[in-house]
Protein backbone atom coordinates (compact mmCIF):
# COMPACT_ATOMS: atom_id res chain seq x y z
CA UNK A 1 -7.33 -54.97 -68.81
CA UNK A 2 -11.98 -55.83 -68.97
CA UNK A 3 -13.47 -54.57 -65.73
CA UNK A 4 -14.60 -58.51 -65.37
CA UNK A 5 -11.09 -59.68 -65.31
CA UNK A 6 -10.00 -56.88 -62.58
CA UNK A 7 -12.59 -58.76 -60.79
CA UNK A 8 -11.22 -62.24 -61.04
CA UNK A 9 -7.80 -61.35 -59.99
CA UNK A 10 -8.55 -59.62 -57.27
CA UNK A 11 -10.97 -61.99 -55.71
CA UNK A 12 -7.45 -65.15 -56.83
CA UNK A 13 -5.77 -62.08 -55.20
CA UNK A 14 -7.45 -62.14 -51.69
CA UNK A 15 -8.03 -65.69 -50.96
CA UNK A 16 -4.59 -65.66 -51.24
CA UNK A 17 -4.40 -63.02 -49.14
CA UNK A 18 -6.18 -64.20 -46.68
CA UNK A 19 -4.39 -67.82 -46.41
CA UNK A 20 -0.91 -65.95 -45.73
CA UNK A 21 -2.11 -63.44 -43.10
CA UNK A 22 -3.80 -66.75 -41.28
CA UNK A 23 -0.03 -68.34 -41.29
CA UNK A 24 2.18 -64.91 -40.45
CA UNK A 25 -0.63 -63.59 -38.44
CA UNK A 26 -1.33 -66.54 -36.08
CA UNK A 27 2.13 -67.36 -35.84
CA UNK A 28 3.11 -63.97 -34.79
CA UNK A 29 0.00 -63.71 -32.29
CA UNK A 30 1.01 -66.90 -30.57
CA UNK A 31 4.86 -66.65 -30.22
CA UNK A 32 5.09 -64.54 -27.29
CA UNK A 33 2.26 -67.40 -25.79
CA UNK A 34 4.89 -69.89 -26.81
CA UNK A 35 8.05 -67.81 -25.56
CA UNK A 36 6.48 -66.66 -22.06
CA UNK A 37 6.22 -71.08 -21.66
CA UNK A 38 10.18 -71.48 -22.45
CA UNK A 39 11.10 -68.84 -19.73
CA UNK A 40 10.50 -65.45 -21.56
CA UNK A 41 10.33 -62.21 -19.44
CA UNK A 42 8.31 -58.83 -20.25
CA UNK A 43 11.30 -57.28 -21.59
CA UNK A 44 12.33 -60.33 -23.56
CA UNK A 45 8.83 -60.36 -25.11
CA UNK A 46 9.54 -56.79 -25.43
CA UNK A 47 12.72 -57.41 -27.31
CA UNK A 48 11.61 -60.51 -29.64
CA UNK A 49 8.94 -58.55 -30.47
CA UNK A 50 10.92 -54.77 -31.56
CA UNK A 51 13.85 -57.34 -33.05
CA UNK A 52 11.57 -58.38 -35.18
CA UNK A 53 9.44 -55.28 -35.68
CA UNK A 54 13.00 -53.32 -37.03
CA UNK A 55 13.30 -55.77 -39.41
CA UNK A 56 9.97 -55.00 -40.42
CA UNK A 57 10.88 -52.01 -40.85
CA UNK A 58 13.63 -51.88 -43.08
CA UNK A 59 12.00 -54.18 -44.79
CA UNK A 60 9.20 -52.28 -45.64
CA UNK A 61 10.90 -50.17 -47.25
CA UNK A 62 13.37 -52.07 -49.62
CA UNK A 63 10.38 -53.96 -50.59
CA UNK A 64 8.85 -50.86 -51.79
CA UNK A 65 11.10 -49.87 -54.03
CA UNK A 66 12.07 -53.35 -54.88
CA UNK A 67 8.24 -53.39 -56.29
CA UNK A 68 8.37 -49.48 -58.22
CA UNK A 69 11.33 -51.41 -60.44
CA UNK A 70 10.65 -55.31 -60.85
CA UNK A 71 7.49 -57.12 -61.82
CA UNK A 72 5.19 -57.61 -59.20
CA UNK A 73 3.25 -61.00 -58.79
CA UNK A 74 6.63 -62.54 -59.32
CA UNK A 75 7.86 -61.05 -56.62
CA UNK A 76 4.77 -62.03 -54.87
CA UNK A 77 5.37 -65.04 -55.06
CA UNK A 78 8.75 -65.21 -53.97
CA UNK A 79 8.19 -63.05 -50.54
CA UNK A 80 5.26 -65.47 -49.89
CA UNK A 81 7.36 -68.90 -50.68
CA UNK A 82 9.82 -67.20 -48.38
CA UNK A 83 7.36 -66.83 -45.48
CA UNK A 84 6.40 -70.42 -45.84
CA UNK A 85 9.94 -71.53 -45.10
CA UNK A 86 10.46 -69.70 -42.23
CA UNK A 87 7.13 -70.74 -40.02
CA UNK A 88 8.75 -74.12 -40.91
CA UNK A 89 12.05 -72.83 -39.10
CA UNK A 90 10.12 -72.17 -36.10
CA UNK A 91 9.92 -75.46 -35.59
CA UNK A 92 13.28 -75.81 -34.59
CA UNK A 93 13.07 -72.57 -32.70
CA UNK A 94 13.62 -73.82 -28.32
CA UNK A 95 15.06 -71.02 -27.13
CA UNK A 96 14.42 -66.82 -26.55
CA UNK A 97 17.77 -66.81 -28.18
CA UNK A 98 16.53 -68.99 -31.85
CA UNK A 99 12.58 -66.99 -31.42
CA UNK A 100 14.66 -63.83 -31.50
CA UNK A 101 16.61 -65.08 -34.44
CA UNK A 102 14.05 -66.75 -36.24
CA UNK A 103 11.28 -63.58 -35.33
CA UNK A 104 13.65 -61.69 -37.52
CA UNK A 105 13.41 -63.27 -40.55
CA UNK A 106 9.33 -63.45 -39.72
CA UNK A 107 9.61 -59.81 -40.15
CA UNK A 108 11.25 -59.35 -42.97
CA UNK A 109 8.88 -61.96 -44.90
CA UNK A 110 5.73 -60.52 -43.00
CA UNK A 111 6.78 -56.76 -44.03
CA UNK A 112 7.39 -58.51 -48.30
CA UNK A 113 4.21 -59.70 -47.32
CA UNK A 114 1.89 -57.14 -46.65
CA UNK A 115 3.62 -54.20 -48.72
CA UNK A 116 2.96 -56.33 -51.65
CA UNK A 117 -0.26 -57.55 -51.31
CA UNK A 118 -1.68 -54.30 -50.32
CA UNK A 119 0.22 -52.96 -53.21
CA UNK A 120 -1.44 -55.25 -55.64
CA UNK A 121 -4.63 -54.44 -54.88
CA UNK A 122 -4.64 -50.85 -55.37
CA UNK A 123 -2.61 -52.05 -58.51
CA UNK A 124 -5.23 -54.03 -60.00
CA UNK A 125 -8.55 -52.12 -58.96
CA UNK A 126 -9.97 -50.24 -61.05
CA UNK A 127 -9.81 -46.39 -59.47
CA UNK A 128 -12.92 -45.28 -58.90
CA UNK A 129 -13.57 -48.81 -56.64
CA UNK A 130 -10.19 -48.12 -54.79
CA UNK A 131 -11.73 -47.61 -51.61
CA UNK A 132 -13.50 -50.71 -51.71
CA UNK A 133 -11.06 -52.84 -52.74
CA UNK A 134 -8.63 -51.61 -50.26
CA UNK A 135 -11.47 -52.34 -47.73
CA UNK A 136 -11.49 -55.87 -48.64
CA UNK A 137 -8.19 -56.80 -48.82
CA UNK A 138 -8.90 -55.64 -45.28
CA UNK A 139 -11.31 -57.80 -44.81
CA UNK A 140 -9.05 -61.00 -46.34
CA UNK A 141 -6.22 -60.34 -43.96
CA UNK A 142 -8.63 -59.55 -40.54
CA UNK A 143 -10.24 -62.46 -41.72
CA UNK A 144 -7.17 -64.68 -41.17
CA UNK A 145 -6.16 -62.44 -38.07
CA UNK A 146 -9.71 -63.42 -36.99
CA UNK A 147 -9.68 -67.65 -37.74
CA UNK A 148 -6.15 -68.19 -36.87
CA UNK A 149 -5.84 -67.64 -33.27
CA UNK A 150 -8.76 -69.30 -32.44
CA UNK A 151 -7.74 -72.56 -34.26
CA UNK A 152 -4.04 -71.71 -33.75
CA UNK A 153 -4.54 -72.01 -30.04
CA UNK A 154 -6.45 -75.08 -30.02
CA UNK A 155 -3.95 -76.93 -32.31
CA UNK A 156 -1.02 -75.96 -29.71
CA UNK A 157 -3.28 -77.01 -26.44
CA UNK A 158 -3.77 -80.43 -28.17
CA UNK A 159 -0.77 -80.65 -29.99
CA UNK A 160 1.98 -78.67 -29.14
CA UNK A 161 3.97 -76.21 -30.84
CA UNK A 162 5.88 -78.62 -33.59
CA UNK A 163 2.03 -79.24 -35.22
CA UNK A 164 1.24 -75.66 -34.99
CA UNK A 165 3.91 -74.25 -37.16
CA UNK A 166 3.44 -77.00 -39.60
CA UNK A 167 -0.10 -76.55 -40.19
CA UNK A 168 0.73 -72.72 -40.91
CA UNK A 169 3.79 -73.53 -43.19
CA UNK A 170 0.55 -75.66 -45.26
CA UNK A 171 -1.45 -73.03 -45.39
CA UNK A 172 1.19 -70.41 -46.82
CA UNK A 173 2.16 -72.81 -49.16
CA UNK A 174 -1.13 -73.00 -50.48
CA UNK A 175 -1.64 -69.71 -50.72
CA UNK A 176 1.73 -70.14 -52.70
CA UNK A 177 0.08 -72.16 -55.00
CA UNK A 178 -2.85 -70.56 -55.30
CA UNK A 179 -1.16 -67.36 -56.84
CA UNK A 180 0.76 -69.69 -59.24
CA UNK A 181 -1.79 -71.49 -60.39
CA UNK A 182 -4.93 -68.85 -61.26
CA UNK A 183 -2.55 -65.57 -61.39
CA UNK A 184 0.60 -65.78 -62.55
CA UNK A 185 0.28 -65.05 -66.00
CA UNK A 186 -2.40 -63.77 -66.58
CA UNK A 187 -1.39 -60.24 -65.35
CA UNK A 188 2.11 -58.57 -65.36
CA UNK A 189 2.60 -55.57 -63.13
CA UNK A 190 5.67 -53.44 -63.85
CA UNK A 191 6.60 -49.88 -62.95
CA UNK A 192 7.55 -48.04 -66.12
CA UNK A 193 7.96 -44.55 -64.41
CA UNK A 194 11.34 -43.19 -64.70
CA UNK A 195 10.96 -40.41 -61.57
CA UNK A 196 12.66 -42.11 -59.12
CA UNK A 197 14.48 -38.31 -57.82
CA UNK A 198 10.61 -37.05 -57.21
CA UNK A 199 9.50 -40.97 -55.35
CA UNK A 200 9.41 -39.67 -51.85
CA UNK A 201 8.48 -36.30 -52.67
CA UNK A 202 5.73 -37.28 -53.93
CA UNK A 203 4.61 -38.58 -50.89
CA UNK A 204 3.78 -35.22 -49.30
CA UNK A 205 0.33 -35.56 -49.68
CA UNK A 206 0.00 -38.17 -47.87
CA UNK A 207 2.12 -37.16 -45.03
CA UNK A 208 -0.71 -36.69 -42.55
CA UNK A 209 -1.82 -40.11 -42.90
CA UNK A 210 1.60 -41.44 -41.89
CA UNK A 211 1.73 -39.33 -38.69
CA UNK A 212 -1.13 -40.74 -37.49
CA UNK A 213 -0.73 -43.73 -38.07
CA UNK A 214 2.08 -43.27 -35.37
CA UNK A 215 0.40 -43.45 -32.27
CA UNK A 216 -1.66 -46.60 -33.36
CA UNK A 217 1.29 -48.09 -34.24
CA UNK A 218 2.65 -48.50 -30.75
CA UNK A 219 -0.45 -49.73 -29.59
CA UNK A 220 -0.73 -52.57 -31.95
CA UNK A 221 2.50 -53.50 -30.99
CA UNK A 222 1.83 -54.38 -27.67
CA UNK A 223 -0.72 -55.94 -28.28
CA UNK A 224 0.74 -58.20 -30.37
CA UNK A 225 4.32 -58.81 -28.65
CA UNK A 226 2.95 -58.34 -24.80
CA UNK A 227 -0.37 -58.99 -24.54
CA UNK A 228 -0.65 -62.38 -25.33
CA UNK A 229 2.34 -62.76 -23.08
CA UNK A 230 0.67 -60.87 -20.16
CA UNK A 231 -2.57 -62.77 -20.45
CA UNK A 232 -0.45 -66.41 -20.39
CA UNK A 233 1.55 -64.94 -17.70
CA UNK A 234 -1.42 -64.27 -15.43
CA UNK A 235 -3.07 -67.67 -15.57
CA UNK A 236 -4.62 -67.63 -19.46
CA UNK A 237 -4.76 -70.85 -21.20
CA UNK A 238 -3.57 -71.10 -24.74
CA UNK A 239 -6.78 -72.01 -26.27
CA UNK A 240 -8.25 -68.49 -24.47
CA UNK A 241 -6.23 -66.21 -25.63
CA UNK A 242 -6.52 -67.67 -28.85
CA UNK A 243 -10.43 -67.13 -28.35
CA UNK A 244 -9.80 -63.42 -27.61
CA UNK A 245 -7.60 -62.31 -30.31
CA UNK A 246 -9.74 -64.11 -32.38
CA UNK A 247 -12.96 -62.13 -30.79
CA UNK A 248 -10.52 -59.06 -31.53
CA UNK A 249 -9.75 -59.22 -34.63
CA UNK A 250 -13.31 -60.07 -35.85
CA UNK A 251 -14.38 -57.17 -34.33
CA UNK A 252 -12.02 -55.26 -36.53
CA UNK A 253 -12.89 -57.15 -39.33
CA UNK A 254 -16.43 -56.09 -38.79
CA UNK A 255 -16.17 -52.19 -38.50
CA UNK A 256 -13.63 -52.87 -41.86
CA UNK A 257 -16.60 -53.89 -43.61
CA UNK A 258 -18.33 -49.96 -43.11
CA UNK A 259 -15.04 -48.09 -44.25
CA UNK A 260 -17.07 -46.78 -47.22
CA UNK A 261 -19.58 -45.34 -44.29
CA UNK A 262 -16.41 -44.25 -42.43
CA UNK A 263 -15.04 -42.05 -45.21
CA UNK A 264 -17.89 -40.92 -46.32
CA UNK A 265 -18.72 -39.61 -42.38
CA UNK A 266 -14.61 -37.81 -42.84
CA UNK A 267 -11.44 -38.94 -41.85
CA UNK A 268 -10.92 -36.55 -39.32
CA UNK A 269 -14.07 -37.27 -37.62
CA UNK A 270 -13.74 -41.05 -37.64
CA UNK A 271 -10.07 -41.09 -36.56
CA UNK A 272 -11.20 -38.98 -33.46
CA UNK A 273 -13.88 -41.48 -32.35
CA UNK A 274 -11.49 -44.57 -33.19
CA UNK A 275 -8.73 -42.32 -30.52
CA UNK A 276 -11.10 -42.39 -27.72
CA UNK A 277 -11.97 -45.81 -27.93
CA UNK A 278 -8.16 -46.72 -28.04
CA UNK A 279 -7.48 -44.87 -24.88
CA UNK A 280 -10.52 -46.85 -22.98
CA UNK A 281 -9.11 -49.87 -24.27
CA UNK A 282 -5.95 -49.42 -22.53
CA UNK A 283 -7.42 -47.96 -19.33
CA UNK A 284 -9.84 -50.71 -19.20
CA UNK A 285 -7.03 -52.67 -19.82
CA UNK A 286 -5.07 -51.91 -16.60
CA UNK A 287 -7.61 -53.58 -14.06
CA UNK A 288 -7.92 -56.83 -16.25
CA UNK A 289 -7.01 -59.73 -14.64
CA UNK A 290 -9.07 -62.98 -15.70
CA UNK A 291 -10.99 -63.62 -19.14
CA UNK A 292 -13.92 -61.01 -19.08
CA UNK A 293 -12.33 -58.29 -17.59
CA UNK A 294 -9.86 -58.86 -20.51
CA UNK A 295 -12.01 -59.15 -22.91
CA UNK A 296 -14.27 -55.88 -22.59
CA UNK A 297 -10.67 -53.66 -23.43
CA UNK A 298 -9.86 -56.16 -26.20
CA UNK A 299 -12.95 -55.60 -28.05
CA UNK A 300 -13.23 -52.04 -27.78
CA UNK A 301 -9.78 -52.49 -28.82
CA UNK A 302 -10.74 -54.15 -31.73
CA UNK A 303 -13.17 -51.81 -32.83
CA UNK A 304 -10.63 -48.44 -32.30
CA UNK A 305 -8.35 -50.75 -34.56
CA UNK A 306 -10.79 -51.35 -36.60
CA UNK A 307 -11.44 -47.62 -38.09
CA UNK A 308 -7.88 -46.16 -37.76
CA UNK A 309 -6.52 -48.53 -40.29
CA UNK A 310 -8.88 -49.03 -43.21
CA UNK A 311 -9.58 -45.12 -43.15
CA UNK A 312 -5.82 -43.85 -42.66
CA UNK A 313 -5.16 -46.21 -45.41
CA UNK A 314 -7.56 -44.91 -47.56
CA UNK A 315 -5.95 -41.41 -46.85
CA UNK A 316 -3.04 -42.19 -48.13
CA UNK A 317 -3.92 -44.42 -51.18
CA UNK A 318 -6.13 -41.94 -52.76
CA UNK A 319 -3.41 -39.00 -52.56
CA UNK A 320 -0.34 -41.29 -53.95
CA UNK A 321 0.22 -41.29 -57.31
CA UNK A 322 -0.05 -44.93 -58.83
CA UNK A 323 3.27 -45.53 -60.42
CA UNK A 324 4.47 -45.06 -56.95
CA UNK A 325 2.31 -47.19 -55.02
CA UNK A 326 5.04 -49.67 -54.04
CA UNK A 327 6.64 -46.48 -51.97
CA UNK A 328 3.89 -45.35 -50.53
CA UNK A 329 2.26 -49.03 -49.35
CA UNK A 330 6.32 -49.66 -48.46
CA UNK A 331 6.39 -46.80 -46.56
CA UNK A 332 2.59 -47.06 -45.06
CA UNK A 333 4.06 -50.41 -44.20
CA UNK A 334 7.40 -49.22 -42.20
CA UNK A 335 5.51 -46.58 -40.43
CA UNK A 336 3.61 -49.72 -38.22
CA UNK A 337 6.71 -51.64 -38.25
CA UNK A 338 8.91 -48.26 -36.60
CA UNK A 339 5.58 -48.13 -34.10
CA UNK A 340 5.97 -51.79 -33.66
CA UNK A 341 9.32 -51.82 -32.55
CA UNK A 342 9.70 -49.00 -30.36
CA UNK A 343 6.10 -50.01 -28.83
CA UNK A 344 7.35 -53.72 -27.89
CA UNK A 345 10.87 -52.09 -26.51
CA UNK A 346 9.33 -48.76 -24.17
CA UNK A 347 6.75 -51.02 -23.45
CA UNK A 348 8.30 -54.38 -22.09
CA UNK A 349 10.80 -52.15 -19.92
CA UNK A 350 7.50 -50.65 -18.42
CA UNK A 351 6.01 -53.61 -17.33
CA UNK A 352 9.34 -55.40 -16.00
CA UNK A 353 10.27 -52.55 -14.20
CA UNK A 354 6.86 -50.65 -13.10
CA UNK A 355 3.81 -53.53 -13.78
CA UNK A 356 1.55 -54.19 -16.56
CA UNK A 357 -0.75 -51.42 -15.51
CA UNK A 358 1.94 -48.36 -16.28
CA UNK A 359 2.81 -49.62 -19.53
CA UNK A 360 -1.21 -49.63 -20.39
CA UNK A 361 -1.74 -46.12 -18.69
CA UNK A 362 0.68 -44.83 -21.11
CA UNK A 363 -0.90 -46.01 -23.79
CA UNK A 364 -4.29 -43.73 -22.86
CA UNK A 365 -1.80 -40.35 -23.59
CA UNK A 366 -0.55 -42.18 -26.53
CA UNK A 367 -3.53 -42.86 -28.02
CA UNK A 368 -5.22 -39.44 -27.36
CA UNK A 369 -2.38 -38.26 -29.55
CA UNK A 370 -4.02 -38.90 -32.79
CA UNK A 371 -6.17 -36.32 -32.01
CA UNK A 372 -4.17 -32.89 -33.10
CA UNK A 373 -2.77 -35.18 -36.10
CA UNK A 374 -6.71 -35.67 -37.49
CA UNK A 375 -7.89 -32.07 -36.88
CA UNK A 376 -4.44 -31.16 -39.41
CA UNK A 377 -5.72 -33.70 -41.54
CA UNK A 378 -9.37 -31.90 -41.98
CA UNK A 379 -7.37 -28.57 -43.05
CA UNK A 380 -6.11 -30.27 -46.47
CA UNK A 381 -8.69 -33.22 -46.60
């Protein structure tokens, strides 16, 4: 495949990733706000987030294995269509029970989308531009996370949740049409490897990258599943919450743009600095009670998370043979699923029993757990 074709295909893929992540990400971020308006407690929010993320974890592993056996573009189309259908079905979810059930479906199709999108990006990218390509992949989905909550919060305030979910369905449907018309048939990605028994053994080189992500994903789970509901509970409106999430994700996206510099600076130093920033963010959140006091820790979270996400992914992709990229990306997203399941589950219990401040103080310690893991990365880097 000529170099110019790779660039063209990647641009189409990035557009699709932006559109789908806008739909999936915005619904995930504002779902706790919707659940809180129906009477959900912190424990309910934790259970909803945990339910979706345990399915996310299982979905990532299954998707990674499937991607290493079947044609990847067709699978990407199917998963995108499934995501659109899931968001549409949220218009019928009017109770905590139904929201939990629908969150299970959202967890699966989100897992399938992110594993497939990251695998396609790494698969299509020229080897010498892998860091750049994965950086642009991260920029594409974080842009959706940035634009979506801002507009979504305004839509909810003006038209309600039914229109909100229908509009997100339309956005993901547009992503499906884009891939169907511009990517399907132009490339066929089928793994030819027969080394099935060696598949997971060959991921050992990326192990420290996976382990370093676990504390980060615990914090991310709280950020996505509980913090929006917490902000709503203390009196912030949906539009304000959407604006804060947009600002946070905008900072994450801006940090993603520096991934090549961060990698040159060193995986160890970059993630150690990120851990300190995340700890400071969680400490300041213990004192947050209004829009300005939430804004500062959220922006710090955006910087810290914006460093960890692309740097750890760069570590993993560079230590993974191309023929098992699907499995590697499945495990990568699976780690997110585990952390984002355990985080909300434990976090919801802590917040309900001891108060939100205790939860965020616990996360300060979680952030610092990343430090010794980064030292080991230096030894093997």
